[in-house]
């Protein structure tokens, strides 16, 4: 079992598929993080309260994204189970 997983991890086709999935996810995470940084840079000349408001709203957006991701992940599991069981109802 372990040998099979080691063979799979060094298979060039597997590595290509893994990178094809991982690179866009990493780029999306980097873009999401830089959005918050750009917001703070744009409002930094306005004052302390404005920067604090941007930071607070960033936390709210983060929590909302977590909730959306959780709902989408849970829905994906349910759809996958029904699809695998060939249940179209």
C-alpha atoms as a PDB file:
ATOM      1  CA  UNK A   1       0.000   0.000   0.000  1.00  0.00           C
ATOM      2  CA  UNK A   2       2.749   2.446   0.940  1.00  0.00           C
ATOM      3  CA  UNK A   3       4.825   1.470  -2.069  1.00  0.00           C
ATOM      4  CA  UNK A   4       1.867   2.151  -4.358  1.00  0.00           C
ATOM      5  CA  UNK A   5       1.424   5.619  -2.883  1.00  0.00           C
ATOM      6  CA  UNK A   6       5.139   6.353  -3.304  1.00  0.00           C
ATOM      7  CA  UNK A   7       4.971   5.238  -6.934  1.00  0.00           C
ATOM      8  CA  UNK A   8       1.966   7.490  -7.436  1.00  0.00           C
ATOM      9  CA  UNK A   9       3.687  10.496  -5.881  1.00  0.00           C
ATOM     10  CA  UNK A  10       6.645  10.307  -8.270  1.00  0.00           C
ATOM     11  CA  UNK A  11       4.627   9.540 -11.395  1.00  0.00           C
ATOM     12  CA  UNK A  12       5.121  12.482 -13.817  1.00  0.00           C
ATOM     13  CA  UNK A  13       1.497  12.388 -14.958  1.00  0.00           C
ATOM     14  CA  UNK A  14       0.322  12.555 -11.345  1.00  0.00           C
ATOM     15  CA  UNK A  15       2.665  15.443 -10.565  1.00  0.00           C
ATOM     16  CA  UNK A  16       1.382  17.329 -13.633  1.00  0.00           C
ATOM     17  CA  UNK A  17      -2.244  16.831 -12.551  1.00  0.00           C
ATOM     18  CA  UNK A  18      -1.373  17.812  -8.995  1.00  0.00           C
ATOM     19  CA  UNK A  19       0.324  21.017 -10.131  1.00  0.00           C
ATOM     20  CA  UNK A  20      -2.551  21.789 -12.496  1.00  0.00           C
ATOM     21  CA  UNK A  21      -4.821  21.770  -9.455  1.00  0.00           C
ATOM     22  CA  UNK A  22      -2.495  23.253  -6.853  1.00  0.00           C
ATOM     23  CA  UNK A  23      -1.130  26.249  -8.771  1.00  0.00           C
ATOM     24  CA  UNK A  24      -4.525  27.921  -9.401  1.00  0.00           C
ATOM     25  CA  UNK A  25      -5.516  27.358  -5.765  1.00  0.00           C
ATOM     26  CA  UNK A  26      -2.265  28.944  -4.567  1.00  0.00           C
ATOM     27  CA  UNK A  27      -2.718  31.891  -6.931  1.00  0.00           C
ATOM     28  CA  UNK A  28      -6.295  32.412  -5.757  1.00  0.00           C
ATOM     29  CA  UNK A  29      -5.175  32.399  -2.123  1.00  0.00           C
ATOM     30  CA  UNK A  30      -2.405  34.863  -2.909  1.00  0.00           C
ATOM     31  CA  UNK A  31      -4.852  37.150  -4.721  1.00  0.00           C
ATOM     32  CA  UNK A  32      -7.327  36.987  -1.833  1.00  0.00           C
ATOM     33  CA  UNK A  33      -4.601  37.913   0.661  1.00  0.00           C
ATOM     34  CA  UNK A  34      -3.278  40.736  -1.498  1.00  0.00           C
ATOM     35  CA  UNK A  35      -6.785  42.209  -1.795  1.00  0.00           C
ATOM     36  CA  UNK A  36      -6.811  42.920   1.920  1.00  0.00           C
ATOM     37  CA  UNK A  37      -3.346  44.415   1.722  1.00  0.00           C
ATOM     38  CA  UNK A  38      -4.367  46.622  -1.210  1.00  0.00           C
ATOM     39  CA  UNK A  39      -7.425  47.831   0.712  1.00  0.00           C
ATOM     40  CA  UNK A  40      -5.291  48.854   3.665  1.00  0.00           C
ATOM     41  CA  UNK A  41      -2.707  50.561   1.454  1.00  0.00           C
ATOM     42  CA  UNK A  42      -5.423  52.544  -0.342  1.00  0.00           C
ATOM     43  CA  UNK A  43      -6.996  53.741   2.916  1.00  0.00           C
ATOM     44  CA  UNK A  44      -3.801  54.256   4.926  1.00  0.00           C
ATOM     45  CA  UNK A  45      -3.611  57.953   4.101  1.00  0.00           C
ATOM     46  CA  UNK A  46      -7.157  58.575   5.384  1.00  0.00           C
ATOM     47  CA  UNK A  47      -6.566  57.835   9.050  1.00  0.00           C
ATOM     48  CA  UNK A  48      -6.459  55.272  11.827  1.00  0.00           C
ATOM     49  CA  UNK A  49     -10.226  54.781  12.109  1.00  0.00           C
ATOM     50  CA  UNK A  50     -10.583  54.143   8.394  1.00  0.00           C
ATOM     51  CA  UNK A  51      -7.801  51.553   8.388  1.00  0.00           C
ATOM     52  CA  UNK A  52      -9.406  49.894  11.411  1.00  0.00           C
ATOM     53  CA  UNK A  53     -12.731  49.777   9.583  1.00  0.00           C
ATOM     54  CA  UNK A  54     -11.095  48.141   6.576  1.00  0.00           C
ATOM     55  CA  UNK A  55      -9.393  45.595   8.837  1.00  0.00           C
ATOM     56  CA  UNK A  56     -12.659  44.812  10.599  1.00  0.00           C
ATOM     57  CA  UNK A  57     -14.533  44.418   7.322  1.00  0.00           C
ATOM     58  CA  UNK A  58     -11.761  42.087   6.134  1.00  0.00           C
ATOM     59  CA  UNK A  59     -12.509  39.806   9.066  1.00  0.00           C
ATOM     60  CA  UNK A  60     -16.218  39.810   8.244  1.00  0.00           C
ATOM     61  CA  UNK A  61     -15.486  38.948   4.620  1.00  0.00           C
ATOM     62  CA  UNK A  62     -13.150  36.161   5.777  1.00  0.00           C
ATOM     63  CA  UNK A  63     -15.871  34.622   7.976  1.00  0.00           C
ATOM     64  CA  UNK A  64     -18.388  34.872   5.138  1.00  0.00           C
ATOM     65  CA  UNK A  65     -15.955  33.152   2.771  1.00  0.00           C
ATOM     66  CA  UNK A  66     -15.427  30.385   5.339  1.00  0.00           C
ATOM     67  CA  UNK A  67     -19.180  29.855   5.580  1.00  0.00           C
ATOM     68  CA  UNK A  68     -19.590  29.782   1.798  1.00  0.00           C
ATOM     69  CA  UNK A  69     -16.672  27.380   1.433  1.00  0.00           C
ATOM     70  CA  UNK A  70     -18.117  25.107   4.124  1.00  0.00           C
ATOM     71  CA  UNK A  71     -21.551  25.042   2.495  1.00  0.00           C
ATOM     72  CA  UNK A  72     -20.042  24.398  -0.936  1.00  0.00           C
ATOM     73  CA  UNK A  73     -17.810  21.617   0.399  1.00  0.00           C
ATOM     74  CA  UNK A  74     -20.680  19.947   2.225  1.00  0.00           C
ATOM     75  CA  UNK A  75     -22.902  20.235  -0.819  1.00  0.00           C
ATOM     76  CA  UNK A  76     -20.150  18.743  -2.953  1.00  0.00           C
ATOM     77  CA  UNK A  77     -19.935  15.716  -0.666  1.00  0.00           C
ATOM     78  CA  UNK A  78     -23.693  15.160  -0.792  1.00  0.00           C
ATOM     79  CA  UNK A  79     -23.833  15.538  -4.577  1.00  0.00           C
ATOM     80  CA  UNK A  80     -20.856  13.189  -4.982  1.00  0.00           C
ATOM     81  CA  UNK A  81     -22.505  10.535  -2.833  1.00  0.00           C
ATOM     82  CA  UNK A  82     -25.754  10.740  -4.795  1.00  0.00           C
ATOM     83  CA  UNK A  83     -23.886  10.764  -8.094  1.00  0.00           C
ATOM     84  CA  UNK A  84     -21.841   7.734  -7.064  1.00  0.00           C
ATOM     85  CA  UNK A  85     -24.992   5.876  -5.998  1.00  0.00           C
ATOM     86  CA  UNK A  86     -26.565   6.700  -9.395  1.00  0.00           C
ATOM     87  CA  UNK A  87     -29.430   8.390  -7.551  1.00  0.00           C
ATOM     88  CA  UNK A  88     -30.717  11.287  -9.647  1.00  0.00           C
ATOM     89  CA  UNK A  89     -33.456  12.314  -7.182  1.00  0.00           C
END
